[in-house]
Amino acid sequence: MRTWTVFGILVVFCIGIAAPVLSDDWKEQSGRGRWWHGDYNEEYWDEPCQVKTESKRGEFKREIKCKDGVGARWRGEWKKEYWDGPCKVKLEAKRDEFKEEVKCE
């Protein structure tokens, strides 16, 4: 009897481990795949702000514009550049505009 209990626990454990491994990882919830898998353009409104997203192979750009700074999730004006692995990331914020640019080698 004890053998079947251990065997059952082992089967449940293996199924729990295998399910995430076998899932389709490369697609997002939208079903279009991640930005580094090809060309992609999108334009939408996030509350009072207009968001433009554009990507090509190895590049990604996001631009957020909020009229008169209303609804902006950032404060002040600043610029920041850094490397994230093989990719160079540039961030620029103004009162009513935020730009993010990623270029990978």
PDB file of N, CA and C in Angstrom:
ATOM      1  N   MET A   1       0.828  -1.196   0.000  1.00  0.00           N
ATOM      2  CA  MET A   1       0.000   0.000   0.000  1.00  0.00           C
ATOM      3  C   MET A   1       0.868   1.253   0.000  1.00  0.00           C
ATOM      4  N   ARG A   2       1.936   1.232   0.781  1.00  0.00           N
ATOM      5  CA  ARG A   2       2.818   2.387   0.882  1.00  0.00           C
ATOM      6  C   ARG A   2       3.510   2.663  -0.457  1.00  0.00           C
ATOM      7  N   THR A   3       3.804   1.617  -1.227  1.00  0.00           N
ATOM      8  CA  THR A   3       4.455   1.767  -2.526  1.00  0.00           C
ATOM      9  C   THR A   3       3.568   2.549  -3.488  1.00  0.00           C
ATOM     10  N   TRP A   4       2.261   2.267  -3.493  1.00  0.00           N
ATOM     11  CA  TRP A   4       1.344   2.970  -4.388  1.00  0.00           C
ATOM     12  C   TRP A   4       1.220   4.441  -4.006  1.00  0.00           C
ATOM     13  N   THR A   5       1.273   4.752  -2.748  1.00  0.00           N
ATOM     14  CA  THR A   5       1.207   6.147  -2.306  1.00  0.00           C
ATOM     15  C   THR A   5       2.432   6.918  -2.787  1.00  0.00           C
ATOM     16  N   VAL A   6       3.590   6.334  -2.605  1.00  0.00           N
ATOM     17  CA  VAL A   6       4.831   6.975  -3.058  1.00  0.00           C
ATOM     18  C   VAL A   6       4.822   7.114  -4.578  1.00  0.00           C
ATOM     19  N   PHE A   7       4.376   6.058  -5.272  1.00  0.00           N
ATOM     20  CA  PHE A   7       4.304   6.106  -6.730  1.00  0.00           C
ATOM     21  C   PHE A   7       3.341   7.200  -7.203  1.00  0.00           C
ATOM     22  N   GLY A   8       2.194   7.328  -6.558  1.00  0.00           N
ATOM     23  CA  GLY A   8       1.218   8.363  -6.915  1.00  0.00           C
ATOM     24  C   GLY A   8       1.770   9.766  -6.710  1.00  0.00           C
ATOM     25  N   ILE A   9       2.456   9.980  -5.603  1.00  0.00           N
ATOM     26  CA  ILE A   9       3.065  11.287  -5.332  1.00  0.00           C
ATOM     27  C   ILE A   9       4.130  11.597  -6.379  1.00  0.00           C
ATOM     28  N   LEU A  10       4.906  10.598  -6.760  1.00  0.00           N
ATOM     29  CA  LEU A  10       5.944  10.774  -7.774  1.00  0.00           C
ATOM     30  C   LEU A  10       5.339  11.134  -9.134  1.00  0.00           C
ATOM     31  N   VAL A  11       4.242  10.493  -9.515  1.00  0.00           N
ATOM     32  CA  VAL A  11       3.573  10.787 -10.787  1.00  0.00           C
ATOM     33  C   VAL A  11       3.032  12.215 -10.787  1.00  0.00           C
ATOM     34  N   VAL A  12       2.384  12.623  -9.716  1.00  0.00           N
ATOM     35  CA  VAL A  12       1.850  13.986  -9.620  1.00  0.00           C
ATOM     36  C   VAL A  12       2.987  15.006  -9.693  1.00  0.00           C
ATOM     37  N   PHE A  13       4.084  14.728  -9.032  1.00  0.00           N
ATOM     38  CA  PHE A  13       5.242  15.620  -9.056  1.00  0.00           C
ATOM     39  C   PHE A  13       5.807  15.745 -10.473  1.00  0.00           C
ATOM     40  N   CYS A  14       5.937  14.627 -11.182  1.00  0.00           N
ATOM     41  CA  CYS A  14       6.478  14.650 -12.548  1.00  0.00           C
ATOM     42  C   CYS A  14       5.558  15.401 -13.506  1.00  0.00           C
ATOM     43  N   ILE A  15       4.263  15.235 -13.365  1.00  0.00           N
ATOM     44  CA  ILE A  15       3.314  15.971 -14.208  1.00  0.00           C
ATOM     45  C   ILE A  15       3.405  17.464 -13.916  1.00  0.00           C
ATOM     46  N   GLY A  16       3.545  17.814 -12.661  1.00  0.00           N
ATOM     47  CA  GLY A  16       3.682  19.228 -12.286  1.00  0.00           C
ATOM     48  C   GLY A  16       4.945  19.859 -12.845  1.00  0.00           C
ATOM     49  N   ILE A  17       6.012  19.111 -12.938  1.00  0.00           N
ATOM     50  CA  ILE A  17       7.271  19.609 -13.507  1.00  0.00           C
ATOM     51  C   ILE A  17       7.178  19.683 -15.030  1.00  0.00           C
ATOM     52  N   ALA A  18       6.561  18.695 -15.668  1.00  0.00           N
ATOM     53  CA  ALA A  18       6.532  18.607 -17.124  1.00  0.00           C
ATOM     54  C   ALA A  18       5.596  19.628 -17.766  1.00  0.00           C
ATOM     55  N   ALA A  19       4.520  20.010 -17.115  1.00  0.00           N
ATOM     56  CA  ALA A  19       3.543  20.920 -17.720  1.00  0.00           C
ATOM     57  C   ALA A  19       4.153  22.264 -18.122  1.00  0.00           C
ATOM     58  N   PRO A  20       4.873  22.965 -17.254  1.00  0.00           N
ATOM     59  CA  PRO A  20       5.469  24.233 -17.678  1.00  0.00           C
ATOM     60  C   PRO A  20       6.563  24.058 -18.733  1.00  0.00           C
ATOM     61  N   VAL A  21       7.272  22.962 -18.684  1.00  0.00           N
ATOM     62  CA  VAL A  21       8.348  22.726 -19.648  1.00  0.00           C
ATOM     63  C   VAL A  21       7.779  22.522 -21.043  1.00  0.00           C
ATOM     64  N   LEU A  22       6.653  21.877 -21.158  1.00  0.00           N
ATOM     65  CA  LEU A  22       6.050  21.588 -22.453  1.00  0.00           C
ATOM     66  C   LEU A  22       5.172  22.713 -22.983  1.00  0.00           C
ATOM     67  N   SER A  23       4.974  23.758 -22.226  1.00  0.00           N
ATOM     68  CA  SER A  23       4.118  24.854 -22.682  1.00  0.00           C
ATOM     69  C   SER A  23       4.790  25.618 -23.814  1.00  0.00           C
ATOM     70  N   ASP A  24       3.995  26.357 -24.590  1.00  0.00           N
ATOM     71  CA  ASP A  24       4.497  27.130 -25.730  1.00  0.00           C
ATOM     72  C   ASP A  24       5.044  28.450 -25.209  1.00  0.00           C
ATOM     73  N   ASP A  25       6.321  28.491 -24.899  1.00  0.00           N
ATOM     74  CA  ASP A  25       6.939  29.625 -24.216  1.00  0.00           C
ATOM     75  C   ASP A  25       7.149  30.840 -25.104  1.00  0.00           C
ATOM     76  N   TRP A  26       7.338  30.677 -26.396  1.00  0.00           N
ATOM     77  CA  TRP A  26       7.763  31.807 -27.220  1.00  0.00           C
ATOM     78  C   TRP A  26       6.642  32.789 -27.512  1.00  0.00           C
ATOM     79  N   LYS A  27       5.400  32.422 -27.274  1.00  0.00           N
ATOM     80  CA  LYS A  27       4.302  33.350 -27.544  1.00  0.00           C
ATOM     81  C   LYS A  27       3.832  34.028 -26.272  1.00  0.00           C
ATOM     82  N   GLU A  28       3.481  35.314 -26.419  1.00  0.00           N
ATOM     83  CA  GLU A  28       2.888  36.044 -25.306  1.00  0.00           C
ATOM     84  C   GLU A  28       1.414  35.685 -25.230  1.00  0.00           C
ATOM     85  N   GLN A  29       0.706  36.347 -24.333  1.00  0.00           N
ATOM     86  CA  GLN A  29      -0.730  36.137 -24.227  1.00  0.00           C
ATOM     87  C   GLN A  29      -1.447  36.634 -25.473  1.00  0.00           C
ATOM     88  N   SER A  30      -0.882  37.647 -26.157  1.00  0.00           N
ATOM     89  CA  SER A  30      -1.504  38.176 -27.366  1.00  0.00           C
ATOM     90  C   SER A  30      -1.412  37.182 -28.516  1.00  0.00           C
ATOM     91  N   GLY A  31      -0.487  36.224 -28.440  1.00  0.00           N
ATOM     92  CA  GLY A  31      -0.343  35.229 -29.485  1.00  0.00           C
ATOM     93  C   GLY A  31       0.542  35.656 -30.633  1.00  0.00           C
ATOM     94  N   ARG A  32       1.125  36.844 -30.570  1.00  0.00           N
ATOM     95  CA  ARG A  32       1.925  37.354 -31.677  1.00  0.00           C
ATOM     96  C   ARG A  32       3.410  37.067 -31.514  1.00  0.00           C
ATOM     97  N   GLY A  33       3.840  36.587 -30.399  1.00  0.00           N
ATOM     98  CA  GLY A  33       5.259  36.345 -30.171  1.00  0.00           C
ATOM     99  C   GLY A  33       5.932  37.578 -29.593  1.00  0.00           C
ATOM    100  N   ARG A  34       7.140  37.402 -29.124  1.00  0.00           N
ATOM    101  CA  ARG A  34       7.856  38.505 -28.495  1.00  0.00           C
ATOM    102  C   ARG A  34       8.451  39.424 -29.538  1.00  0.00           C
ATOM    103  N   TRP A  35       8.861  40.616 -29.120  1.00  0.00           N
ATOM    104  CA  TRP A  35       9.297  41.653 -30.050  1.00  0.00           C
ATOM    105  C   TRP A  35      10.555  41.281 -30.813  1.00  0.00           C
ATOM    106  N   TRP A  36      11.407  40.416 -30.302  1.00  0.00           N
ATOM    107  CA  TRP A  36      12.650  40.126 -31.001  1.00  0.00           C
ATOM    108  C   TRP A  36      12.486  39.041 -32.064  1.00  0.00           C
ATOM    109  N   HIS A  37      11.274  38.578 -32.310  1.00  0.00           N
ATOM    110  CA  HIS A  37      11.051  37.541 -33.310  1.00  0.00           C
ATOM    111  C   HIS A  37      10.611  38.087 -34.661  1.00  0.00           C
ATOM    112  N   GLY A  38      10.755  39.378 -34.924  1.00  0.00           N
ATOM    113  CA  GLY A  38      10.396  39.918 -36.227  1.00  0.00           C
ATOM    114  C   GLY A  38       9.856  41.331 -36.119  1.00  0.00           C
ATOM    115  N   ASP A  39       9.351  41.855 -37.251  1.00  0.00           N
ATOM    116  CA  ASP A  39       8.820  43.219 -37.290  1.00  0.00           C
ATOM    117  C   ASP A  39       7.471  43.282 -36.587  1.00  0.00           C
ATOM    118  N   TYR A  40       7.259  44.389 -35.880  1.00  0.00           N
ATOM    119  CA  TYR A  40       6.035  44.542 -35.105  1.00  0.00           C
ATOM    120  C   TYR A  40       5.781  46.022 -34.864  1.00  0.00           C
ATOM    121  N   ASN A  41       4.588  46.504 -35.147  1.00  0.00           N
ATOM    122  CA  ASN A  41       4.183  47.880 -34.869  1.00  0.00           C
ATOM    123  C   ASN A  41       2.841  47.855 -34.156  1.00  0.00           C
ATOM    124  N   GLU A  42       2.711  48.718 -33.167  1.00  0.00           N
ATOM    125  CA  GLU A  42       1.452  48.794 -32.429  1.00  0.00           C
ATOM    126  C   GLU A  42       1.273  50.215 -31.917  1.00  0.00           C
ATOM    127  N   GLU A  43       0.047  50.678 -31.959  1.00  0.00           N
ATOM    128  CA  GLU A  43      -0.284  52.007 -31.453  1.00  0.00           C
ATOM    129  C   GLU A  43      -1.584  51.880 -30.659  1.00  0.00           C
ATOM    130  N   TYR A  44      -1.574  52.375 -29.410  1.00  0.00           N
ATOM    131  CA  TYR A  44      -2.769  52.262 -28.580  1.00  0.00           C
ATOM    132  C   TYR A  44      -2.768  53.357 -27.524  1.00  0.00           C
ATOM    133  N   TRP A  45      -3.878  53.477 -26.810  1.00  0.00           N
ATOM    134  CA  TRP A  45      -4.018  54.460 -25.732  1.00  0.00           C
ATOM    135  C   TRP A  45      -4.008  53.730 -24.404  1.00  0.00           C
ATOM    136  N   ASP A  46      -3.194  54.206 -23.480  1.00  0.00           N
ATOM    137  CA  ASP A  46      -3.141  53.685 -22.119  1.00  0.00           C
ATOM    138  C   ASP A  46      -3.606  54.812 -21.212  1.00  0.00           C
ATOM    139  N   GLU A  47      -4.893  54.784 -20.906  1.00  0.00           N
ATOM    140  CA  GLU A  47      -5.536  55.883 -20.170  1.00  0.00           C
ATOM    141  C   GLU A  47      -5.361  57.172 -20.976  1.00  0.00           C
ATOM    142  N   PRO A  48      -4.815  58.262 -20.425  1.00  0.00           N
ATOM    143  CA  PRO A  48      -4.731  59.504 -21.199  1.00  0.00           C
ATOM    144  C   PRO A  48      -3.505  59.575 -22.112  1.00  0.00           C
ATOM    145  N   CYS A  49      -2.690  58.547 -22.163  1.00  0.00           N
ATOM    146  CA  CYS A  49      -1.425  58.593 -22.908  1.00  0.00           C
ATOM    147  C   CYS A  49      -1.492  57.738 -24.177  1.00  0.00           C
ATOM    148  N   GLN A  50      -0.855  58.232 -25.236  1.00  0.00           N
ATOM    149  CA  GLN A  50      -0.753  57.492 -26.485  1.00  0.00           C
ATOM    150  C   GLN A  50       0.575  56.736 -26.493  1.00  0.00           C
ATOM    151  N   VAL A  51       0.522  55.452 -26.810  1.00  0.00           N
ATOM    152  CA  VAL A  51       1.712  54.603 -26.798  1.00  0.00           C
ATOM    153  C   VAL A  51       1.953  54.069 -28.209  1.00  0.00           C
ATOM    154  N   LYS A  52       3.181  54.254 -28.698  1.00  0.00           N
ATOM    155  CA  LYS A  52       3.588  53.708 -29.992  1.00  0.00           C
ATOM    156  C   LYS A  52       4.735  52.741 -29.743  1.00  0.00           C
ATOM    157  N   THR A  53       4.578  51.518 -30.229  1.00  0.00           N
ATOM    158  CA  THR A  53       5.610  50.501 -30.083  1.00  0.00           C
ATOM    159  C   THR A  53       6.004  50.033 -31.475  1.00  0.00           C
ATOM    160  N   GLU A  54       7.297  49.955 -31.696  1.00  0.00           N
ATOM    161  CA  GLU A  54       7.800  49.580 -33.006  1.00  0.00           C
ATOM    162  C   GLU A  54       9.037  48.706 -32.805  1.00  0.00           C
ATOM    163  N   SER A  55       9.122  47.607 -33.526  1.00  0.00           N
ATOM    164  CA  SER A  55      10.307  46.766 -33.385  1.00  0.00           C
ATOM    165  C   SER A  55      10.676  46.121 -34.705  1.00  0.00           C
ATOM    166  N   LYS A  56      11.957  45.917 -34.848  1.00  0.00           N
ATOM    167  CA  LYS A  56      12.525  45.183 -35.971  1.00  0.00           C
ATOM    168  C   LYS A  56      13.484  44.181 -35.354  1.00  0.00           C
ATOM    169  N   ARG A  57      14.035  43.342 -36.146  1.00  0.00           N
ATOM    170  CA  ARG A  57      14.962  42.337 -35.623  1.00  0.00           C
ATOM    171  C   ARG A  57      16.138  43.009 -34.928  1.00  0.00           C
ATOM    172  N   GLY A  58      16.283  42.803 -33.625  1.00  0.00           N
ATOM    173  CA  GLY A  58      17.388  43.370 -32.866  1.00  0.00           C
ATOM    174  C   GLY A  58      17.169  44.792 -32.388  1.00  0.00           C
ATOM    175  N   GLU A  59      16.011  45.392 -32.675  1.00  0.00           N
ATOM    176  CA  GLU A  59      15.713  46.764 -32.245  1.00  0.00           C
ATOM    177  C   GLU A  59      14.319  46.828 -31.640  1.00  0.00           C
ATOM    178  N   PHE A  60      14.150  47.747 -30.722  1.00  0.00           N
ATOM    179  CA  PHE A  60      12.849  47.960 -30.087  1.00  0.00           C
ATOM    180  C   PHE A  60      12.733  49.426 -29.709  1.00  0.00           C
ATOM    181  N   LYS A  61      11.589  50.053 -30.021  1.00  0.00           N
ATOM    182  CA  LYS A  61      11.356  51.450 -29.650  1.00  0.00           C
ATOM    183  C   LYS A  61       9.951  51.582 -29.077  1.00  0.00           C
ATOM    184  N   ARG A  62       9.843  52.316 -27.992  1.00  0.00           N
ATOM    185  CA  ARG A  62       8.548  52.620 -27.391  1.00  0.00           C
ATOM    186  C   ARG A  62       8.516  54.110 -27.108  1.00  0.00           C
ATOM    187  N   GLU A  63       7.436  54.750 -27.508  1.00  0.00           N
ATOM    188  CA  GLU A  63       7.277  56.181 -27.290  1.00  0.00           C
ATOM    189  C   GLU A  63       5.913  56.414 -26.640  1.00  0.00           C
ATOM    190  N   ILE A  64       5.924  57.095 -25.506  1.00  0.00           N
ATOM    191  CA  ILE A  64       4.690  57.374 -24.778  1.00  0.00           C
ATOM    192  C   ILE A  64       4.522  58.886 -24.706  1.00  0.00           C
ATOM    193  N   LYS A  65       3.367  59.369 -25.163  1.00  0.00           N
ATOM    194  CA  LYS A  65       3.097  60.805 -25.114  1.00  0.00           C
ATOM    195  C   LYS A  65       1.826  61.049 -24.312  1.00  0.00           C
ATOM    196  N   CYS A  66       1.948  61.908 -23.314  1.00  0.00           N
ATOM    197  CA  CYS A  66       0.815  62.271 -22.473  1.00  0.00           C
ATOM    198  C   CYS A  66       0.583  63.774 -22.633  1.00  0.00           C
ATOM    199  N   LYS A  67      -0.606  64.152 -23.038  1.00  0.00           N
ATOM    200  CA  LYS A  67      -0.907  65.562 -23.262  1.00  0.00           C
ATOM    201  C   LYS A  67      -0.745  66.344 -21.961  1.00  0.00           C
ATOM    202  N   ASP A  68       0.099  67.340 -21.981  1.00  0.00           N
ATOM    203  CA  ASP A  68       0.398  68.212 -20.835  1.00  0.00           C
ATOM    204  C   ASP A  68       0.929  67.438 -19.626  1.00  0.00           C
ATOM    205  N   GLY A  69       1.435  66.245 -19.826  1.00  0.00           N
ATOM    206  CA  GLY A  69       2.012  65.464 -18.732  1.00  0.00           C
ATOM    207  C   GLY A  69       0.991  64.782 -17.841  1.00  0.00           C
ATOM    208  N   VAL A  70      -0.297  64.886 -18.188  1.00  0.00           N
ATOM    209  CA  VAL A  70      -1.349  64.270 -17.374  1.00  0.00           C
ATOM    210  C   VAL A  70      -1.307  62.750 -17.569  1.00  0.00           C
ATOM    211  N   GLY A  71      -1.212  62.000 -16.490  1.00  0.00           N
ATOM    212  CA  GLY A  71      -1.184  60.544 -16.545  1.00  0.00           C
ATOM    213  C   GLY A  71       0.201  59.961 -16.714  1.00  0.00           C
ATOM    214  N   ALA A  72       1.220  60.797 -16.761  1.00  0.00           N
ATOM    215  CA  ALA A  72       2.592  60.306 -16.924  1.00  0.00           C
ATOM    216  C   ALA A  72       3.022  59.549 -15.672  1.00  0.00           C
ATOM    217  N   ARG A  73       3.698  58.420 -15.870  1.00  0.00           N
ATOM    218  CA  ARG A  73       4.150  57.606 -14.738  1.00  0.00           C
ATOM    219  C   ARG A  73       5.593  57.914 -14.372  1.00  0.00           C
ATOM    220  N   TRP A  74       6.179  58.929 -14.973  1.00  0.00           N
ATOM    221  CA  TRP A  74       7.549  59.347 -14.679  1.00  0.00           C
ATOM    222  C   TRP A  74       7.522  60.802 -14.258  1.00  0.00           C
ATOM    223  N   ARG A  75       8.559  61.232 -13.617  1.00  0.00           N
ATOM    224  CA  ARG A  75       8.638  62.615 -13.143  1.00  0.00           C
ATOM    225  C   ARG A  75       9.953  63.227 -13.591  1.00  0.00           C
ATOM    226  N   GLY A  76       9.922  64.490 -13.952  1.00  0.00           N
ATOM    227  CA  GLY A  76      11.133  65.231 -14.292  1.00  0.00           C
ATOM    228  C   GLY A  76      11.622  64.948 -15.701  1.00  0.00           C
ATOM    229  N   GLU A  77      12.750  65.570 -16.028  1.00  0.00           N
ATOM    230  CA  GLU A  77      13.399  65.358 -17.312  1.00  0.00           C
ATOM    231  C   GLU A  77      14.751  64.711 -17.054  1.00  0.00           C
ATOM    232  N   TRP A  78      15.024  63.595 -17.729  1.00  0.00           N
ATOM    233  CA  TRP A  78      16.276  62.891 -17.533  1.00  0.00           C
ATOM    234  C   TRP A  78      16.574  61.996 -18.724  1.00  0.00           C
ATOM    235  N   LYS A  79      17.839  61.597 -18.822  1.00  0.00           N
ATOM    236  CA  LYS A  79      18.298  60.659 -19.843  1.00  0.00           C
ATOM    237  C   LYS A  79      19.148  59.593 -19.163  1.00  0.00           C
ATOM    238  N   LYS A  80      19.073  58.387 -19.688  1.00  0.00           N
ATOM    239  CA  LYS A  80      19.852  57.298 -19.118  1.00  0.00           C
ATOM    240  C   LYS A  80      20.230  56.334 -20.240  1.00  0.00           C
ATOM    241  N   GLU A  81      21.478  55.909 -20.267  1.00  0.00           N
ATOM    242  CA  GLU A  81      21.952  54.922 -21.229  1.00  0.00           C
ATOM    243  C   GLU A  81      22.707  53.833 -20.477  1.00  0.00           C
ATOM    244  N   TYR A  82      22.463  52.585 -20.839  1.00  0.00           N
ATOM    245  CA  TYR A  82      23.177  51.476 -20.215  1.00  0.00           C
ATOM    246  C   TYR A  82      23.134  50.254 -21.124  1.00  0.00           C
ATOM    247  N   TRP A  83      23.968  49.287 -20.816  1.00  0.00           N
ATOM    248  CA  TRP A  83      24.010  48.026 -21.548  1.00  0.00           C
ATOM    249  C   TRP A  83      23.281  46.954 -20.744  1.00  0.00           C
ATOM    250  N   ASP A  84      22.404  46.227 -21.409  1.00  0.00           N
ATOM    251  CA  ASP A  84      21.727  45.082 -20.811  1.00  0.00           C
ATOM    252  C   ASP A  84      22.146  43.855 -21.615  1.00  0.00           C
ATOM    253  N   GLY A  85      23.206  43.223 -21.189  1.00  0.00           N
ATOM    254  CA  GLY A  85      23.778  42.121 -21.964  1.00  0.00           C
ATOM    255  C   GLY A  85      24.344  42.668 -23.259  1.00  0.00           C
ATOM    256  N   PRO A  86      23.971  42.087 -24.417  1.00  0.00           N
ATOM    257  CA  PRO A  86      24.483  42.583 -25.694  1.00  0.00           C
ATOM    258  C   PRO A  86      23.678  43.758 -26.249  1.00  0.00           C
ATOM    259  N   CYS A  87      22.713  44.256 -25.505  1.00  0.00           N
ATOM    260  CA  CYS A  87      21.821  45.312 -25.989  1.00  0.00           C
ATOM    261  C   CYS A  87      22.114  46.648 -25.305  1.00  0.00           C
ATOM    262  N   LYS A  88      22.086  47.717 -26.095  1.00  0.00           N
ATOM    263  CA  LYS A  88      22.246  49.061 -25.557  1.00  0.00           C
ATOM    264  C   LYS A  88      20.854  49.656 -25.364  1.00  0.00           C
ATOM    265  N   VAL A  89      20.592  50.157 -24.177  1.00  0.00           N
ATOM    266  CA  VAL A  89      19.280  50.699 -23.833  1.00  0.00           C
ATOM    267  C   VAL A  89      19.410  52.199 -23.611  1.00  0.00           C
ATOM    268  N   LYS A  90      18.534  52.970 -24.267  1.00  0.00           N
ATOM    269  CA  LYS A  90      18.496  54.422 -24.081  1.00  0.00           C
ATOM    270  C   LYS A  90      17.106  54.792 -23.572  1.00  0.00           C
ATOM    271  N   LEU A  91      17.068  55.520 -22.485  1.00  0.00           N
ATOM    272  CA  LEU A  91      15.815  56.017 -21.924  1.00  0.00           C
ATOM    273  C   LEU A  91      15.882  57.537 -21.895  1.00  0.00           C
ATOM    274  N   GLU A  92      14.795  58.182 -22.285  1.00  0.00           N
ATOM    275  CA  GLU A  92      14.740  59.641 -22.261  1.00  0.00           C
ATOM    276  C   GLU A  92      13.344  60.056 -21.802  1.00  0.00           C
ATOM    277  N   ALA A  93      13.303  60.914 -20.809  1.00  0.00           N
ATOM    278  CA  ALA A  93      12.016  61.367 -20.281  1.00  0.00           C
ATOM    279  C   ALA A  93      11.952  62.882 -20.311  1.00  0.00           C
ATOM    280  N   LYS A  94      10.812  63.379 -20.727  1.00  0.00           N
ATOM    281  CA  LYS A  94      10.502  64.805 -20.662  1.00  0.00           C
ATOM    282  C   LYS A  94       9.182  64.919 -19.914  1.00  0.00           C
ATOM    283  N   ARG A  95       8.714  66.113 -19.764  1.00  0.00           N
ATOM    284  CA  ARG A  95       7.488  66.330 -18.988  1.00  0.00           C
ATOM    285  C   ARG A  95       6.300  65.546 -19.555  1.00  0.00           C
ATOM    286  N   ASP A  96       6.158  65.543 -20.877  1.00  0.00           N
ATOM    287  CA  ASP A  96       4.990  64.914 -21.490  1.00  0.00           C
ATOM    288  C   ASP A  96       5.342  63.769 -22.442  1.00  0.00           C
ATOM    289  N   GLU A  97       6.594  63.320 -22.426  1.00  0.00           N
ATOM    290  CA  GLU A  97       7.023  62.308 -23.380  1.00  0.00           C
ATOM    291  C   GLU A  97       8.079  61.387 -22.759  1.00  0.00           C
ATOM    292  N   PHE A  98       7.976  60.098 -23.072  1.00  0.00           N
ATOM    293  CA  PHE A  98       8.943  59.107 -22.602  1.00  0.00           C
ATOM    294  C   PHE A  98       9.352  58.248 -23.792  1.00  0.00           C
ATOM    295  N   LYS A  99      10.659  58.073 -23.999  1.00  0.00           N
ATOM    296  CA  LYS A  99      11.160  57.260 -25.103  1.00  0.00           C
ATOM    297  C   LYS A  99      12.075  56.171 -24.560  1.00  0.00           C
ATOM    298  N   GLU A 100      11.905  54.979 -25.092  1.00  0.00           N
ATOM    299  CA  GLU A 100      12.756  53.847 -24.744  1.00  0.00           C
ATOM    300  C   GLU A 100      13.237  53.226 -26.049  1.00  0.00           C
ATOM    301  N   GLU A 101      14.532  53.015 -26.167  1.00  0.00           N
ATOM    302  CA  GLU A 101      15.109  52.457 -27.384  1.00  0.00           C
ATOM    303  C   GLU A 101      16.114  51.373 -27.002  1.00  0.00           C
ATOM    304  N   VAL A 102      15.967  50.196 -27.611  1.00  0.00           N
ATOM    305  CA  VAL A 102      16.858  49.069 -27.342  1.00  0.00           C
ATOM    306  C   VAL A 102      17.446  48.610 -28.675  1.00  0.00           C
ATOM    307  N   LYS A 103      18.774  48.549 -28.750  1.00  0.00           N
ATOM    308  CA  LYS A 103      19.445  48.046 -29.952  1.00  0.00           C
ATOM    309  C   LYS A 103      20.391  46.931 -29.534  1.00  0.00           C
ATOM    310  N   CYS A 104      20.217  45.776 -30.160  1.00  0.00           N
ATOM    311  CA  CYS A 104      21.058  44.620 -29.847  1.00  0.00           C
ATOM    312  C   CYS A 104      22.022  44.343 -30.996  1.00  0.00           C
ATOM    313  N   GLU A 105      23.224  43.937 -30.636  1.00  0.00           N
ATOM    314  CA  GLU A 105      24.241  43.638 -31.656  1.00  0.00           C
ATOM    315  C   GLU A 105      24.165  42.203 -32.088  1.00  0.00           C
TER     316      GLU A 105
END
